[in-house]
Every structure is written in C-alpha cells, then in structure tokens.
N, C-alpha and C. Protein backbone atom coordinates (compact mmCIF):
# COMPACT_ATOMS: atom_id res chain seq x y z
N UNK A 1 0.74 -1.60 0.00
CA UNK A 1 0.24 0.00 -0.08
C UNK A 1 0.92 1.11 0.07
N UNK A 2 0.08 2.26 0.08
CA UNK A 2 0.70 3.50 0.06
C UNK A 2 0.97 4.44 0.98
N UNK A 3 1.40 3.92 2.21
CA UNK A 3 1.13 4.06 3.30
C UNK A 3 2.75 3.91 3.86
N UNK A 4 3.48 5.10 4.98
CA UNK A 4 5.06 4.68 5.30
C UNK A 4 4.61 5.23 6.43
N UNK A 5 5.15 3.45 7.19
CA UNK A 5 4.69 4.04 8.81
C UNK A 5 5.87 4.72 9.56
N UNK A 6 5.44 5.46 10.28
CA UNK A 6 6.28 6.69 10.95
C UNK A 6 7.67 5.52 11.83
N UNK A 7 7.41 4.18 11.85
CA UNK A 7 8.73 3.71 12.89
C UNK A 7 9.70 3.54 11.76
N UNK A 8 8.92 3.43 9.99
CA UNK A 8 10.43 3.25 9.07
C UNK A 8 11.53 4.31 9.23
N UNK A 9 10.92 5.55 9.68
CA UNK A 9 11.79 6.83 9.42
C UNK A 9 13.23 6.23 10.99
N UNK A 10 12.62 5.85 11.98
CA UNK A 10 13.50 5.73 13.40
C UNK A 10 13.84 4.11 13.09
N UNK A 11 14.62 3.57 12.63
CA UNK A 11 15.28 2.45 12.75
C UNK A 11 16.44 2.58 13.41
N UNK A 12 16.89 1.47 14.01
CA UNK A 12 18.15 1.63 14.74
C UNK A 12 19.55 1.29 14.01
N UNK A 13 18.76 0.67 13.05
CA UNK A 13 20.45 0.04 12.00
C UNK A 13 20.29 1.40 10.58
N UNK A 14 21.01 1.24 9.98
CA UNK A 14 21.49 1.87 8.95
C UNK A 14 20.51 1.90 7.91
N UNK A 15 19.33 1.23 7.60
CA UNK A 15 18.87 0.89 6.86
C UNK A 15 17.43 1.95 6.53
N UNK A 16 17.74 2.63 5.03
CA UNK A 16 17.04 3.90 4.38
C UNK A 16 15.60 3.38 4.81
N UNK A 17 14.26 4.11 4.98
CA UNK A 17 13.48 4.18 5.65
C UNK A 17 12.24 3.92 4.03
N UNK A 18 11.50 3.28 4.24
CA UNK A 18 10.43 2.60 2.68
C UNK A 18 10.08 4.04 2.20
N UNK A 19 10.05 4.43 0.66
CA UNK A 19 9.57 5.07 0.00
C UNK A 19 8.14 5.17 -0.53
N UNK A 20 7.74 6.19 -0.41
CA UNK A 20 6.18 6.19 -0.67
C UNK A 20 6.41 6.76 -2.32
N UNK A 21 6.12 5.51 -3.00
CA UNK A 21 6.23 5.48 -4.82
C UNK A 21 5.53 6.69 -5.23
N UNK A 22 4.30 6.89 -4.83
CA UNK A 22 3.54 7.71 -5.30
C UNK A 22 3.24 8.71 -5.22
N UNK A 23 3.99 9.51 -3.76
CA UNK A 23 4.64 10.88 -3.80
C UNK A 23 5.91 11.13 -4.43
N UNK A 24 7.01 10.24 -4.63
CA UNK A 24 7.96 10.45 -5.51
C UNK A 24 7.81 10.80 -7.29
N UNK A 25 6.37 9.97 -7.59
CA UNK A 25 5.29 10.26 -8.89
C UNK A 25 5.23 11.53 -8.92
N UNK A 26 4.41 12.16 -7.98
CA UNK A 26 3.68 13.04 -7.98
C UNK A 26 4.52 14.25 -7.78
N UNK A 27 5.86 14.17 -7.69
CA UNK A 27 7.02 15.51 -6.95
C UNK A 27 7.74 15.11 -8.44
N UNK A 28 7.66 14.10 -9.10
CA UNK A 28 9.08 13.82 -10.25
C UNK A 28 9.17 15.39 -11.00
N UNK A 29 10.70 15.77 -11.26
CA UNK A 29 10.85 16.33 -12.07
C UNK A 29 10.28 16.38 -13.35
N UNK A 30 10.45 15.75 -14.12
CA UNK A 30 9.79 15.54 -15.40
C UNK A 30 8.06 15.65 -15.33
N UNK A 31 7.82 16.53 -16.48
CA UNK A 31 6.30 17.04 -16.77
C UNK A 31 5.64 15.78 -16.87
N UNK A 32 6.09 14.78 -18.02
CA UNK A 32 5.65 14.08 -18.37
C UNK A 32 5.32 12.94 -17.71
N UNK A 33 5.81 12.38 -16.45
CA UNK A 33 5.60 11.75 -15.61
C UNK A 33 4.53 12.27 -14.67
N UNK A 34 4.85 13.45 -14.49
CA UNK A 34 3.66 13.98 -13.59
C UNK A 34 2.29 13.85 -14.15
N UNK A 35 2.20 14.54 -15.76
CA UNK A 35 1.27 14.41 -16.34
C UNK A 35 0.45 12.77 -16.58
N UNK A 36 1.35 11.86 -16.90
CA UNK A 36 1.00 10.09 -17.10
C UNK A 36 0.19 9.77 -15.72
N UNK A 37 0.80 10.45 -14.58
CA UNK A 37 0.61 10.05 -12.88
C UNK A 37 -0.73 10.20 -12.55
N UNK A 38 -0.72 11.76 -12.99
CA UNK A 38 -2.28 12.47 -12.81
C UNK A 38 -3.03 11.57 -13.71
N UNK A 39 -2.97 11.44 -14.97
CA UNK A 39 -3.83 10.72 -15.69
C UNK A 39 -4.86 9.10 -15.35
N UNK A 40 -3.12 8.77 -15.21
CA UNK A 40 -3.29 7.23 -14.18
C UNK A 40 -4.21 6.91 -13.08
N UNK A 41 -3.90 8.00 -12.17
CA UNK A 41 -4.90 8.25 -11.09
C UNK A 41 -5.84 8.57 -11.50
N UNK A 42 -6.50 9.29 -12.20
CA UNK A 42 -8.21 9.90 -12.56
C UNK A 42 -8.58 8.24 -13.06
N UNK A 43 -7.88 7.46 -14.06
CA UNK A 43 -8.38 6.48 -14.59
C UNK A 43 -8.54 5.29 -13.51
N UNK A 44 -7.80 5.37 -12.60
CA UNK A 44 -8.04 4.37 -11.39
C UNK A 44 -9.25 4.56 -10.60
N UNK A 45 -9.46 6.05 -10.54
CA UNK A 45 -10.34 6.09 -9.48
C UNK A 45 -12.20 6.41 -10.21
N UNK A 46 -11.87 5.79 -11.66
CA UNK A 46 -12.97 5.72 -12.67
C UNK A 46 -13.22 4.44 -13.11
N UNK A 47 -12.17 3.53 -13.27
CA UNK A 47 -12.44 2.31 -13.70
C UNK A 47 -11.88 1.12 -12.68
N UNK A 48 -11.22 1.15 -11.40
CA UNK A 48 -11.20 0.26 -10.50
C UNK A 48 -12.32 -0.46 -10.31
N UNK A 49 -13.02 -1.70 -9.82
CA UNK A 49 -14.32 -2.36 -9.80
C UNK A 49 -14.09 -1.44 -8.02
N UNK A 50 -12.99 -1.50 -7.35
CA UNK A 50 -13.02 -1.76 -5.96
C UNK A 50 -12.44 -0.07 -5.65
N UNK A 51 -12.51 0.93 -6.71
CA UNK A 51 -12.49 2.31 -6.37
C UNK A 51 -12.54 3.00 -5.33
N UNK A 52 -13.67 2.65 -4.65
CA UNK A 52 -14.31 3.18 -3.15
C UNK A 52 -13.16 2.84 -1.96
N UNK A 53 -12.89 1.53 -2.44
CA UNK A 53 -11.47 1.40 -0.69
C UNK A 53 -10.56 1.70 -1.21
N UNK A 54 -10.19 2.52 -2.79
CA UNK A 54 -8.65 2.81 -2.68
C UNK A 54 -8.84 4.85 -2.79
N UNK A 55 -10.34 5.43 -2.70
CA UNK A 55 -10.57 6.70 -3.07
C UNK A 55 -9.91 7.70 -2.36
N UNK A 56 -9.68 7.66 -1.35
CA UNK A 56 -8.95 8.17 -0.20
C UNK A 56 -7.83 8.32 0.04
N UNK A 57 -7.17 7.51 -0.70
CA UNK A 57 -5.58 7.61 -1.03
C UNK A 57 -4.98 8.14 -2.02
N UNK A 58 -6.25 7.70 -3.18
CA UNK A 58 -5.51 7.85 -4.55
C UNK A 58 -6.08 9.83 -4.71
N UNK A 59 -7.62 10.06 -4.36
CA UNK A 59 -7.62 11.77 -4.64
C UNK A 59 -6.98 12.51 -4.26
N UNK A 60 -5.62 12.24 -3.02
CA UNK A 60 -5.36 13.96 -2.97
C UNK A 60 -3.73 13.93 -3.60
N UNK A 61 -3.43 12.61 -4.60
CA UNK A 61 -2.57 13.10 -5.45
C UNK A 61 -3.14 13.70 -6.72
N UNK A 62 -4.56 13.22 -7.51
CA UNK A 62 -5.22 13.89 -8.33
C UNK A 62 -5.39 15.69 -7.68
N UNK A 63 -5.68 15.97 -6.75
CA UNK A 63 -6.19 17.45 -6.23
C UNK A 63 -4.60 17.77 -6.04
N UNK A 64 -3.56 17.23 -6.02
CA UNK A 64 -2.27 17.86 -5.94
C UNK A 64 -1.80 18.34 -7.20
N UNK A 65 -2.35 17.26 -8.26
CA UNK A 65 -1.82 17.56 -9.52
C UNK A 65 -2.87 19.02 -10.37
N UNK A 66 -3.77 19.19 -9.68
CA UNK A 66 -4.66 20.33 -9.59
C UNK A 66 -4.25 21.73 -9.53
N UNK A 67 -3.19 21.21 -8.42
CA UNK A 67 -2.27 22.54 -8.12
C UNK A 67 -0.95 22.68 -8.40
N UNK A 68 -0.43 21.72 -9.46
CA UNK A 68 0.92 21.82 -9.88
C UNK A 68 0.88 23.35 -10.40
N UNK A 69 2.90 23.14 -10.89
CA UNK A 69 3.48 24.41 -10.99
C UNK A 69 3.14 24.86 -12.73
N UNK A 70 2.79 23.37 -13.64
CA UNK A 70 3.20 23.53 -14.64
C UNK A 70 1.80 23.03 -15.45
N UNK A 71 0.85 24.18 -16.39
CA UNK A 71 -0.15 24.35 -16.84
C UNK A 71 -0.35 22.94 -17.57
N UNK A 72 0.05 22.54 -18.20
CA UNK A 72 -0.33 21.14 -18.77
C UNK A 72 -0.76 20.34 -17.68
N UNK A 73 0.29 20.11 -16.66
CA UNK A 73 0.11 18.99 -15.80
C UNK A 73 -1.43 19.42 -14.97
N UNK A 74 -1.37 20.63 -14.61
CA UNK A 74 -2.88 20.63 -14.03
C UNK A 74 -4.27 20.68 -14.94
N UNK A 75 -3.88 21.16 -16.29
CA UNK A 75 -5.24 20.60 -17.11
C UNK A 75 -5.33 19.19 -17.13
N UNK A 76 -4.57 18.31 -17.15
CA UNK A 76 -4.37 17.12 -17.07
C UNK A 76 -5.38 16.42 -15.84
N UNK A 77 -4.81 17.31 -14.97
CA UNK A 77 -5.32 16.62 -13.57
C UNK A 77 -7.12 17.09 -13.72
N UNK A 78 -6.98 18.25 -14.16
CA UNK A 78 -8.54 18.73 -14.14
C UNK A 78 -9.52 18.39 -14.96
N UNK A 79 -9.00 17.83 -16.36
CA UNK A 79 -9.80 16.84 -17.14
C UNK A 79 -10.00 15.50 -16.29
N UNK A 80 -8.83 14.91 -15.97
CA UNK A 80 -9.25 13.63 -15.01
C UNK A 80 -10.19 13.95 -14.29
N UNK A 81 -9.81 15.04 -13.28
CA UNK A 81 -10.82 15.28 -12.12
C UNK A 81 -12.43 15.21 -12.39
N UNK A 82 -12.16 16.11 -13.68
CA UNK A 82 -13.93 16.47 -14.37
C UNK A 82 -14.48 15.15 -14.61
N UNK A 83 -13.92 13.62 -15.10
CA UNK A 83 -14.06 12.42 -15.43
C UNK A 83 -14.71 11.63 -14.13
N UNK A 84 -13.79 11.65 -13.39
CA UNK A 84 -13.81 11.21 -11.79
C UNK A 84 -15.17 12.24 -11.48
N UNK A 85 -15.44 13.01 -11.30
CA UNK A 85 -16.86 13.96 -11.24
C UNK A 85 -18.13 13.08 -11.80
N UNK A 86 -17.88 13.17 -13.22
CA UNK A 86 -19.04 12.54 -13.69
C UNK A 86 -19.01 11.24 -13.59
N UNK A 87 -18.11 10.77 -13.58
CA UNK A 87 -18.44 8.80 -12.56
C UNK A 87 -18.97 8.77 -11.16
N UNK A 88 -18.83 9.90 -10.82
CA UNK A 88 -19.18 10.30 -9.17
C UNK A 88 -20.93 10.32 -8.93
N UNK A 89 -21.10 11.36 -10.07
CA UNK A 89 -22.58 11.08 -10.23
C UNK A 89 -23.28 10.41 -10.74
N UNK A 90 -22.81 9.46 -11.79
CA UNK A 90 -23.32 8.03 -11.88
C UNK A 90 -23.59 7.48 -10.84
N UNK A 91 -22.64 7.45 -9.80
CA UNK A 91 -22.83 6.50 -8.91
C UNK A 91 -23.27 6.62 -7.74
N UNK A 92 -23.62 8.07 -7.39
CA UNK A 92 -24.10 8.57 -6.25
C UNK A 92 -25.82 9.18 -6.77
N UNK A 93 -26.04 8.57 -8.06
CA UNK A 93 -27.35 9.39 -8.45
C UNK A 93 -28.14 9.44 -7.55
N UNK A 94 -28.73 8.76 -6.77
CA UNK A 94 -29.69 8.58 -5.55
C UNK A 94 -29.72 9.63 -4.94
N UNK A 95 -28.53 9.90 -4.64
CA UNK A 95 -27.90 10.73 -3.36
C UNK A 95 -28.13 12.16 -3.79
N UNK A 96 -27.83 12.54 -4.87
CA UNK A 96 -27.76 13.78 -5.40
C UNK A 96 -29.00 13.64 -6.56
N UNK A 97 -30.06 13.06 -6.43
CA UNK A 97 -31.23 13.32 -7.11
C UNK A 97 -31.83 14.71 -6.78
N UNK A 98 -32.34 14.69 -5.24
CA UNK A 98 -33.00 16.08 -4.56
C UNK A 98 -32.34 17.02 -5.13
N UNK A 99 -30.77 17.16 -4.86
CA UNK A 99 -30.24 18.52 -5.11
C UNK A 99 -30.04 18.70 -6.68
N UNK A 100 -30.07 17.59 -7.02
CA UNK A 100 -30.36 18.05 -9.09
C UNK A 100 -31.48 18.58 -9.29
N UNK A 101 -32.89 17.71 -8.67
CA UNK A 101 -33.69 18.28 -9.14
C UNK A 101 -34.29 19.83 -8.44
N UNK A 102 -34.13 20.15 -7.39
CA UNK A 102 -34.60 21.04 -6.62
C UNK A 102 -33.68 22.08 -6.60
N UNK A 103 -32.38 22.14 -6.66
CA UNK A 103 -31.24 23.14 -6.65
C UNK A 103 -30.77 23.15 -5.32
N UNK A 104 -30.08 24.40 -5.59
CA UNK A 104 -29.05 24.71 -4.46
C UNK A 104 -30.31 25.31 -3.28
N UNK A 105 -31.31 24.02 -2.45
CA UNK A 105 -32.40 24.96 -1.12
C UNK A 105 -31.20 25.45 -0.09
N UNK A 106 -30.40 24.77 0.41
CA UNK A 106 -29.91 24.80 1.28
C UNK A 106 -28.79 26.04 1.74
N UNK A 107 -28.75 27.09 2.75
CA UNK A 107 -28.27 27.92 3.28
C UNK A 107 -26.63 28.16 2.61
N UNK A 108 -25.88 26.80 3.02
CA UNK A 108 -24.50 27.06 3.07
C UNK A 108 -24.58 26.57 1.10
N UNK A 109 -25.23 25.62 0.82
CA UNK A 109 -24.56 25.90 -1.04
C UNK A 109 -25.14 27.13 -1.73
N UNK A 110 -26.38 27.79 -1.09
CA UNK A 110 -26.40 29.64 -1.79
C UNK A 110 -25.50 30.28 -1.02
N UNK A 111 -24.90 30.17 -0.27
CA UNK A 111 -23.89 30.78 0.58
C UNK A 111 -22.64 30.64 -0.73
N UNK A 112 -22.27 29.52 -1.14
CA UNK A 112 -20.92 28.80 -1.71
C UNK A 112 -21.58 29.51 -3.27
N UNK A 113 -22.58 29.62 -3.64
CA UNK A 113 -22.54 29.65 -5.12
C UNK A 113 -22.09 31.61 -4.92
N UNK A 114 -22.89 31.97 -4.05
CA UNK A 114 -22.59 33.68 -4.11
C UNK A 114 -20.94 33.67 -3.62
N UNK A 115 -20.37 32.98 -3.34
CA UNK A 115 -18.63 33.56 -3.10
C UNK A 115 -18.11 33.34 -4.41
N UNK A 116 -18.94 31.97 -4.86
CA UNK A 116 -18.08 31.52 -6.31
C UNK A 116 -18.32 32.72 -7.55
N UNK A 117 -19.59 33.30 -7.23
CA UNK A 117 -19.85 33.94 -8.46
C UNK A 117 -19.09 36.10 -8.18
N UNK A 118 -18.68 35.94 -6.82
CA UNK A 118 -17.98 36.93 -6.70
C UNK A 118 -16.49 36.58 -7.06
N UNK A 119 -16.37 35.41 -6.45
CA UNK A 119 -14.76 35.54 -6.13
C UNK A 119 -14.07 33.99 -7.77
N UNK A 120 -15.08 33.63 -8.02
CA UNK A 120 -14.67 32.71 -9.05
C UNK A 120 -13.53 32.89 -10.24
N UNK A 121 -13.07 34.05 -10.20
CA UNK A 121 -12.40 34.77 -11.37
C UNK A 121 -10.83 35.09 -10.69
N UNK A 122 -10.64 34.77 -9.40
CA UNK A 122 -9.22 34.52 -8.79
C UNK A 122 -8.93 33.34 -8.57
N UNK A 123 -9.67 32.13 -8.92
CA UNK A 123 -9.08 30.72 -8.70
C UNK A 123 -7.96 30.53 -10.16
N UNK A 124 -7.03 29.81 -10.11
CA UNK A 124 -6.03 29.72 -11.31
C UNK A 124 -6.57 28.93 -12.21
N UNK A 125 -6.04 28.96 -13.02
CA UNK A 125 -5.86 28.50 -14.33
C UNK A 125 -6.20 26.38 -13.79
N UNK A 126 -6.71 26.05 -14.46
CA UNK A 126 -7.57 25.86 -14.95
C UNK A 126 -9.13 25.62 -14.73
N UNK A 127 -9.05 25.95 -13.20
CA UNK A 127 -10.51 26.37 -12.79
C UNK A 127 -10.97 27.72 -12.84
N UNK A 128 -10.13 28.68 -12.92
CA UNK A 128 -10.65 30.09 -13.20
C UNK A 128 -11.97 30.18 -14.15
N UNK A 129 -12.65 30.70 -13.65
CA UNK A 129 -14.42 31.26 -13.77
C UNK A 129 -15.27 30.38 -14.18
N UNK A 130 -14.62 29.06 -14.02
CA UNK A 130 -15.66 28.00 -14.18
C UNK A 130 -16.13 27.10 -13.32
N UNK A 131 -17.47 27.17 -12.65
CA UNK A 131 -17.56 26.59 -11.16
C UNK A 131 -17.64 24.84 -11.93
N UNK A 132 -16.63 24.29 -10.94
CA UNK A 132 -16.90 22.98 -11.19
C UNK A 132 -18.20 22.08 -11.11
N UNK A 133 -18.47 21.15 -11.95
CA UNK A 133 -19.82 20.06 -11.88
C UNK A 133 -19.95 19.78 -10.33
N UNK A 134 -21.14 19.16 -10.34
CA UNK A 134 -21.85 18.99 -8.88
C UNK A 134 -20.70 17.90 -8.55
N UNK A 135 -20.57 16.65 -9.17
CA UNK A 135 -20.15 15.58 -9.10
C UNK A 135 -18.64 15.60 -8.50
N UNK A 136 -18.03 16.87 -8.73
CA UNK A 136 -16.31 17.39 -8.78
C UNK A 136 -17.01 17.77 -7.47
N UNK A 137 -17.45 18.73 -7.30
CA UNK A 137 -18.02 19.71 -5.76
C UNK A 137 -17.71 18.46 -5.02
N UNK A 138 -19.21 17.60 -5.24
CA UNK A 138 -19.03 16.30 -4.09
C UNK A 138 -18.10 15.62 -3.90
N UNK A 139 -17.54 15.35 -4.61
CA UNK A 139 -16.24 14.44 -4.98
C UNK A 139 -15.07 14.85 -3.97
N UNK A 140 -15.04 16.05 -4.28
CA UNK A 140 -13.48 16.71 -3.51
C UNK A 140 -14.01 16.91 -1.71
N UNK A 141 -15.43 17.52 -2.04
CA UNK A 141 -15.83 17.76 -0.24
C UNK A 141 -15.88 16.43 0.67
N UNK A 142 -16.15 15.13 -0.35
CA UNK A 142 -15.62 13.89 0.69
C UNK A 142 -14.21 13.79 1.17
N UNK A 143 -13.19 13.87 -0.12
CA UNK A 143 -12.25 13.73 0.31
C UNK A 143 -11.61 14.76 1.66
N UNK A 144 -12.11 15.83 1.08
CA UNK A 144 -11.44 16.85 2.27
C UNK A 144 -12.06 17.18 3.81
N UNK A 145 -13.36 16.24 4.20
CA UNK A 145 -13.71 16.55 5.35
C UNK A 145 -13.04 15.67 6.87
C-alpha cells in the first residue's frame, strides 16, 4: 500500500526508510511523468472495480495535480477530475437526485454560489471562471472532510 509507517523513519540500523513511490511520482521533475501519473490516478478512480476502497488514498494525488506548477499537468489533472466527477454523479445518482432536481436550497450551498460568483475569477487556471460540476464538488468535499 501507499502508506509509510512512522517507525520506518526511526530504525536502529542504517537501513533507509520505505519510500512512498506515489509521492515521488507526484513530485517527479519530469513533466511527462507527473502528467501520466495524474491521468493514471484519474483512470483508477473511475475504472477500478473497488475504487471506493482506494479513493481516499488516491484522490490527494489527483488534487495535488490540479495545483501543480506546470499548466500542462494542471490541465491533465483537471480533465481527470472532471471525468472522476462525472463517474461520481453516476455512482451517487440517488443521493444527488434531490439536489439536482430542486437545486441549491440549503443556505450553505447558496452561500457557496454567492462566493463563487463573487470570487470565481480569482482561482488559477484551469478552474478560473468555471464552477466545477456537482460531481466534482461533492467528490472533493468528501475527500477534504
């Protein structure tokens, strides 16, 4: 798994700690590697049969890609996130049905719309000016709670 136990950093012997290979891919100096990595993470979050078991471990790498310093990687991560959001909408159709049919009725969502309309242009590319679809918003919200 993609977990490095804290104990691994405090060996009594001179053995090197276990590496988090996903983190090294996410921070690789080669743009093509980072781009391929976020695309792969997006594919796994959509296509794995047991993706819900790994969602909380994979999503941070995709979200990290949206904040990458290189526009090409950000775009790839954003496109992958849009596809993951669309899959989320399909998977959670019953849960999102009322929200989709009746709109943004609760106060928190109305306030979020107000803030987005007021400050949406302040977001960096690729998010700038476009409010993410509901599937993306709910997927990200569930990851950062």
